[in-house]
Amino acid sequence: MRIMAVVSGGDAPGINAALWHAARRAAAGRDSLVGARGGLPGVLTGQIIDLNPPLLMPWVGLAGSILPSSREPALAREGAREALLKVIDSHGVDAAILFGGDGTLRHVLPLLGEWGIRCIGIPTTIDNDVPGTEYTLGFDSACNFAYHAIDGVLATAHALTGRIFMVETLGGNTGYLALAVAHGAGAHAVLVPEYDFDPTWLGERLKMGVERDGYGLVVLSEGVKAARTLFDDLPKWTGIRARDVRLGHAQRGSAPTHRDRVVASEMAALAYGALKDGVRLGVTVVRAGRVSLHEGALSYAAHLPPDEALYRSINGL
């Protein structure tokens, strides 16, 4: 069996580890793994390379992806189906493992199934926003990167008191990442796109933090509407100097943590095993804390908002 790995959408820590584990499983089963460079556009243009354990081993502890990705909706092109099937036939590909987030697993995976391509999806996004799984590969690493940054912020906050710090995480239009980081960092407030906030309340909450702890810390998701003006507004609301830390795309660049390495191993093993057993379509997911296989495409309902009870607890509401 010849399996093709494709990385689509944003990268996430743990992808390289998952590729390595998949290659090891394939080699042990006398199968082979190849990869498409450049995501789905790379598949259509035949940019296929061999992937083997010795090649992938040095990449295991690195973020990013040895296989460059793409956000281009290449399968929407005219003639995409014929081009894809031609490449698969010419390279002797029997099945695929698709790495991606919500958009990739929502749209691309079912389409590949309709086109007759056996495929298992692995959810990879630091946003942790794929409905149907409790966890996506890369989330823990992104949280840990944020903690390192906040630890540095708090060191200077304790050394020179009387300031407010605003830390912005990635997360797109969802607040799962910001909420988790705020929880673990002991922030005085957290702002996420799913819940509105009152500026007067936020100002008083952060002033309380300065009076009690010597600093105020608010963590917010990049998708919060007020994110671009909040830094200028906080001093007006509080009369206290503010400093901002925008983690940006460096948050995707964290070395994969222990949890993400373990999840990568388990998801890769499950994906390979499912294809070996003849499963036509599925997604590796985490449910009740365990990695398992969901056969077929995920049933997509609307995103559930982040844990409201946790949100209210952090914010003292």
Protein backbone atom coordinates (compact mmCIF):
# COMPACT_ATOMS: atom_id res chain seq x y z
CA MET A 1 0.00 0.00 0.00
CA ARG A 2 1.27 3.46 -0.93
CA ILE A 3 -0.10 6.29 1.21
CA MET A 4 0.09 9.98 0.34
CA ALA A 5 0.28 12.59 3.12
CA VAL A 6 -1.14 16.06 2.42
CA VAL A 7 -0.93 19.09 4.73
CA SER A 8 -3.61 21.71 4.09
CA GLY A 9 -4.26 25.05 5.78
CA GLY A 10 -2.34 26.46 8.73
CA ASP A 11 0.55 24.50 10.19
CA ALA A 12 0.60 23.24 13.78
CA PRO A 13 3.26 21.73 16.07
CA GLY A 14 3.15 17.95 15.91
CA ILE A 15 2.64 17.51 12.18
CA ASN A 16 6.25 16.42 11.62
CA ALA A 17 6.02 13.99 14.52
CA ALA A 18 2.83 12.49 13.08
CA LEU A 19 4.45 12.12 9.65
CA TRP A 20 7.41 10.31 11.20
CA HIS A 21 5.21 7.92 13.15
CA ALA A 22 3.11 7.24 10.04
CA ALA A 23 6.27 6.53 8.03
CA ARG A 24 7.53 4.14 10.71
CA ARG A 25 4.22 2.27 10.78
CA ALA A 26 4.17 2.07 7.00
CA ALA A 27 7.75 0.77 6.84
CA ALA A 28 7.03 -1.84 9.50
CA GLY A 29 3.98 -2.98 7.52
CA ARG A 30 5.97 -3.13 4.27
CA ASP A 31 4.04 -0.18 2.92
CA SER A 32 5.33 3.24 1.89
CA LEU A 33 4.54 6.89 2.58
CA VAL A 34 4.87 9.77 0.13
CA GLY A 35 4.01 13.42 0.63
CA ALA A 36 2.70 16.29 -1.45
CA ARG A 37 4.72 19.52 -1.32
CA GLY A 38 2.53 22.61 -1.41
CA GLY A 39 -0.71 21.18 -0.09
CA LEU A 40 -3.54 20.40 -2.50
CA PRO A 41 -2.07 22.53 -5.32
CA GLY A 42 1.07 20.42 -4.97
CA VAL A 43 -0.97 17.26 -5.39
CA LEU A 44 -2.52 18.54 -8.63
CA THR A 45 0.89 19.43 -10.07
CA GLY A 46 2.50 16.16 -9.02
CA GLN A 47 4.92 17.53 -6.43
CA ILE A 48 5.21 14.17 -4.70
CA ILE A 49 8.24 13.11 -2.65
CA ASP A 50 9.13 9.92 -0.80
CA LEU A 51 8.90 10.11 3.00
CA ASN A 52 10.81 7.61 5.10
CA PRO A 53 11.74 7.43 8.80
CA PRO A 54 15.41 8.47 8.40
CA LEU A 55 14.39 11.54 6.38
CA LEU A 56 11.71 12.57 8.87
CA MET A 57 13.49 11.74 12.12
CA PRO A 58 15.39 15.08 12.43
CA TRP A 59 12.08 16.94 12.02
CA VAL A 60 10.20 15.20 14.84
CA GLY A 61 10.92 17.88 17.46
CA LEU A 62 10.37 20.81 15.10
CA ALA A 63 7.25 22.88 14.55
CA GLY A 64 5.98 23.71 11.09
CA SER A 65 5.86 21.00 8.44
CA ILE A 66 8.48 19.36 6.26
CA LEU A 67 5.67 19.32 3.67
CA PRO A 68 4.82 22.93 2.75
CA SER A 69 1.10 23.64 3.02
CA SER A 70 -1.36 25.87 1.18
CA ARG A 71 -4.72 27.51 1.80
CA GLU A 72 -5.61 27.67 -1.88
CA PRO A 73 -8.93 25.89 -2.64
CA ALA A 74 -7.29 23.97 -5.47
CA LEU A 75 -9.98 21.30 -5.70
CA ALA A 76 -12.48 23.95 -6.78
CA ARG A 77 -10.55 24.47 -10.02
CA GLU A 78 -12.06 23.27 -13.27
CA GLY A 79 -10.67 19.82 -14.02
CA ALA A 80 -9.32 19.32 -10.50
CA ARG A 81 -10.87 15.88 -10.10
CA GLU A 82 -9.33 14.56 -13.30
CA ALA A 83 -5.92 16.08 -12.47
CA LEU A 84 -5.97 14.63 -8.94
CA LEU A 85 -6.92 11.14 -10.07
CA LYS A 86 -4.25 11.24 -12.78
CA VAL A 87 -1.51 12.11 -10.24
CA ILE A 88 -2.72 9.45 -7.82
CA ASP A 89 -2.70 6.83 -10.59
CA SER A 90 0.70 7.85 -11.96
CA HIS A 91 2.32 7.70 -8.49
CA GLY A 92 0.60 4.48 -7.50
CA VAL A 93 -1.16 6.04 -4.51
CA ASP A 94 -3.72 3.81 -2.80
CA ALA A 95 -4.91 6.09 0.02
CA ALA A 96 -4.24 9.40 1.74
CA ILE A 97 -3.76 10.96 5.16
CA LEU A 98 -5.00 14.55 5.25
CA PHE A 99 -3.72 16.99 7.87
CA GLY A 100 -5.81 20.10 8.43
CA GLY A 101 -8.14 22.17 10.53
CA ASP A 102 -11.83 22.92 10.47
CA GLY A 103 -12.02 24.09 6.85
CA THR A 104 -9.96 21.22 5.46
CA LEU A 105 -11.86 18.51 7.33
CA ARG A 106 -15.21 20.18 6.68
CA HIS A 107 -14.84 20.57 2.91
CA VAL A 108 -11.86 18.67 1.47
CA LEU A 109 -12.15 15.32 3.27
CA PRO A 110 -15.76 14.58 2.19
CA LEU A 111 -14.93 15.66 -1.36
CA LEU A 112 -12.03 13.22 -1.57
CA GLY A 113 -14.39 10.52 -0.37
CA GLU A 114 -16.90 11.42 -3.08
CA TRP A 115 -14.11 11.13 -5.64
CA GLY A 116 -13.36 7.61 -4.50
CA ILE A 117 -10.13 8.30 -2.63
CA ARG A 118 -9.68 6.44 0.64
CA CYS A 119 -8.63 9.04 3.18
CA ILE A 120 -8.18 9.54 6.94
CA GLY A 121 -8.09 13.06 8.33
CA ILE A 122 -5.93 14.19 11.26
CA PRO A 123 -7.13 17.43 12.94
CA THR A 124 -4.20 19.84 13.15
CA THR A 125 -4.77 23.40 14.33
CA ILE A 126 -3.63 25.37 17.36
CA ASP A 127 -7.13 26.89 17.50
CA ASN A 128 -8.67 23.63 18.82
CA ASP A 129 -11.88 24.51 16.99
CA VAL A 130 -12.78 21.38 15.01
CA PRO A 131 -16.30 20.23 15.98
CA GLY A 132 -16.42 16.53 16.79
CA THR A 133 -13.07 16.28 18.59
CA GLU A 134 -12.10 17.53 22.03
CA TYR A 135 -8.53 18.15 20.94
CA THR A 136 -6.58 19.12 17.84
CA LEU A 137 -2.88 18.50 17.31
CA GLY A 138 -0.77 21.56 18.21
CA PHE A 139 -3.07 23.11 20.82
CA ASP A 140 -1.01 22.14 23.85
CA SER A 141 2.20 23.39 22.23
CA ALA A 142 0.61 26.75 21.42
CA CYS A 143 -0.59 27.10 25.02
CA ASN A 144 2.89 26.38 26.32
CA PHE A 145 4.42 28.97 23.99
CA ALA A 146 2.00 31.55 25.38
CA TYR A 147 2.90 30.61 28.96
CA HIS A 148 6.58 31.22 28.29
CA ALA A 149 5.76 34.69 26.96
CA ILE A 150 3.45 35.48 29.88
CA ASP A 151 6.01 34.25 32.40
CA GLY A 152 8.37 36.86 30.98
CA VAL A 153 5.68 39.52 31.18
CA LEU A 154 4.93 38.67 34.81
CA ALA A 155 8.62 38.80 35.73
CA THR A 156 8.79 42.44 34.69
CA ALA A 157 5.31 43.08 36.11
CA HIS A 158 6.55 42.07 39.57
CA ALA A 159 9.81 44.00 39.18
CA LEU A 160 8.16 47.25 38.06
CA THR A 161 4.61 47.39 39.35
CA GLY A 162 1.63 49.49 38.39
CA ARG A 163 1.04 48.48 34.77
CA ILE A 164 -1.56 46.62 32.72
CA PHE A 165 -0.48 43.95 30.25
CA MET A 166 -2.57 42.88 27.27
CA VAL A 167 -1.54 39.54 25.72
CA GLU A 168 -3.13 38.64 22.38
CA THR A 169 -3.18 35.03 21.23
CA LEU A 170 -4.01 33.51 17.87
CA GLY A 171 -7.23 31.54 17.53
CA GLY A 172 -8.98 33.07 14.53
CA ASN A 173 -12.60 33.86 15.28
CA THR A 174 -12.76 31.44 18.22
CA GLY A 175 -11.66 31.85 21.80
CA TYR A 176 -10.66 28.33 22.88
CA LEU A 177 -6.94 29.12 22.81
CA ALA A 178 -7.21 32.45 24.63
CA LEU A 179 -9.49 30.98 27.30
CA ALA A 180 -7.14 28.06 27.98
CA VAL A 181 -4.11 30.34 28.17
CA ALA A 182 -5.86 32.82 30.46
CA HIS A 183 -6.91 29.98 32.74
CA GLY A 184 -3.43 28.50 33.01
CA ALA A 185 -1.74 31.90 33.38
CA GLY A 186 -4.03 33.20 36.11
CA ALA A 187 -5.13 36.24 34.11
CA HIS A 188 -7.41 38.82 35.70
CA ALA A 189 -9.58 38.90 32.57
CA VAL A 190 -10.06 37.09 29.27
CA LEU A 191 -11.79 38.33 26.12
CA VAL A 192 -13.03 35.97 23.39
CA PRO A 193 -15.06 36.62 20.21
CA GLU A 194 -18.02 34.57 21.38
CA TYR A 195 -18.86 36.75 24.40
CA ASP A 196 -19.30 40.52 24.55
CA PHE A 197 -17.72 42.54 27.34
CA ASP A 198 -18.44 45.84 29.05
CA PRO A 199 -15.53 48.33 28.86
CA THR A 200 -16.36 49.78 32.27
CA TRP A 201 -16.26 46.33 33.84
CA LEU A 202 -12.94 45.52 32.14
CA GLY A 203 -11.36 48.75 33.34
CA GLU A 204 -12.46 48.16 36.92
CA ARG A 205 -11.38 44.51 36.79
CA LEU A 206 -7.84 45.40 35.68
CA LYS A 207 -7.58 48.29 38.17
CA MET A 208 -8.46 45.78 40.88
CA GLY A 209 -5.62 43.55 39.63
CA VAL A 210 -3.13 46.41 39.83
CA GLU A 211 -4.25 47.35 43.34
CA ARG A 212 -4.18 43.75 44.58
CA ASP A 213 -1.28 42.17 42.67
CA GLY A 214 0.69 45.13 41.38
CA TYR A 215 -0.28 44.47 37.73
CA GLY A 216 -3.30 43.74 35.57
CA LEU A 217 -3.27 40.93 32.98
CA VAL A 218 -5.85 40.48 30.25
CA VAL A 219 -5.58 37.74 27.63
CA LEU A 220 -7.60 38.11 24.44
CA SER A 221 -8.10 36.29 21.18
CA GLU A 222 -7.10 37.97 17.92
CA GLY A 223 -10.73 37.62 16.80
CA VAL A 224 -12.09 40.01 19.44
CA LYS A 225 -13.50 43.03 17.59
CA ALA A 226 -11.90 45.48 20.00
CA ALA A 227 -8.45 43.88 19.71
CA ARG A 228 -6.99 46.64 17.50
CA THR A 229 -8.16 49.54 19.68
CA LEU A 230 -7.99 48.00 23.15
CA PHE A 231 -4.36 48.95 23.76
CA ASP A 232 -5.18 52.64 23.26
CA ASP A 233 -8.44 52.41 25.20
CA LEU A 234 -7.16 50.73 28.38
CA PRO A 235 -5.21 53.76 29.69
CA LYS A 236 -8.26 55.94 29.02
CA TRP A 237 -10.53 53.61 30.96
CA THR A 238 -8.15 53.06 33.87
CA GLY A 239 -5.65 55.91 34.03
CA ILE A 240 -2.92 53.21 34.13
CA ARG A 241 -0.12 52.62 31.61
CA ALA A 242 -0.63 49.60 29.38
CA ARG A 243 1.76 47.37 27.47
CA ASP A 244 0.77 44.92 24.75
CA VAL A 245 2.24 41.58 23.70
CA ARG A 246 0.94 40.13 20.44
CA LEU A 247 2.10 36.55 20.13
CA GLY A 248 1.24 36.35 16.44
CA HIS A 249 2.32 33.50 14.24
CA ALA A 250 5.30 32.71 16.45
CA GLN A 251 2.73 30.83 18.52
CA ARG A 252 2.59 28.20 15.79
CA GLY A 253 6.35 27.80 16.00
CA SER A 254 6.60 26.16 19.40
CA ALA A 255 8.39 22.84 19.59
CA PRO A 256 5.77 20.10 20.05
CA THR A 257 5.15 19.31 23.71
CA HIS A 258 4.99 15.85 25.27
CA ARG A 259 1.21 15.78 24.87
CA ASP A 260 1.34 16.72 21.18
CA ARG A 261 4.05 14.16 20.49
CA VAL A 262 1.95 11.44 22.12
CA VAL A 263 -1.24 12.50 20.33
CA ALA A 264 0.71 12.65 17.05
CA SER A 265 1.93 9.11 17.60
CA GLU A 266 -1.52 7.77 18.45
CA MET A 267 -3.33 9.57 15.63
CA ALA A 268 -0.74 8.51 13.04
CA ALA A 269 -0.89 4.90 14.17
CA LEU A 270 -4.68 4.93 14.09
CA ALA A 271 -4.79 6.55 10.64
CA TYR A 272 -2.37 4.01 9.18
CA GLY A 273 -4.16 1.10 10.84
CA ALA A 274 -7.54 2.25 9.53
CA LEU A 275 -6.25 2.47 5.96
CA LYS A 276 -4.56 -0.92 6.34
CA ASP A 277 -7.91 -2.34 7.46
CA GLY A 278 -9.67 -0.92 4.40
CA VAL A 279 -11.54 2.00 6.00
CA ARG A 280 -12.63 4.32 3.21
CA LEU A 281 -13.10 7.59 5.08
CA GLY A 282 -12.57 8.74 8.65
CA VAL A 283 -11.08 11.23 11.07
CA THR A 284 -8.93 10.62 14.12
CA VAL A 285 -10.51 12.39 17.09
CA VAL A 286 -10.16 12.75 20.84
CA ARG A 287 -13.31 11.88 22.76
CA ALA A 288 -13.56 11.31 26.50
CA GLY A 289 -9.82 11.95 26.59
CA ARG A 290 -8.93 9.08 24.27
CA VAL A 291 -7.80 9.04 20.63
CA SER A 292 -10.29 7.13 18.50
CA LEU A 293 -11.45 6.83 14.90
CA HIS A 294 -14.63 8.46 13.66
CA GLU A 295 -15.59 6.61 10.49
CA GLY A 296 -16.93 8.81 7.71
CA ALA A 297 -16.80 12.60 7.61
CA LEU A 298 -17.52 14.55 10.76
CA SER A 299 -21.08 15.81 11.14
CA TYR A 300 -20.67 19.55 11.31
CA ALA A 301 -22.98 21.56 13.47
CA ALA A 302 -22.29 25.12 14.59
CA HIS A 303 -19.24 25.64 16.76
CA LEU A 304 -19.94 25.32 20.44
CA PRO A 305 -18.82 28.45 22.32
CA PRO A 306 -15.93 28.14 24.78
CA ASP A 307 -16.76 27.00 28.32
CA GLU A 308 -18.96 29.80 29.65
CA ALA A 309 -18.56 28.76 33.28
CA LEU A 310 -14.77 28.96 32.96
CA TYR A 311 -15.03 32.28 31.14
CA ARG A 312 -17.16 33.73 33.92
CA SER A 313 -14.91 32.31 36.63
CA ILE A 314 -11.74 33.88 35.18
CA ASN A 315 -13.52 37.20 34.78
CA GLY A 316 -15.04 37.14 38.25
CA LEU A 317 -18.58 37.32 36.87
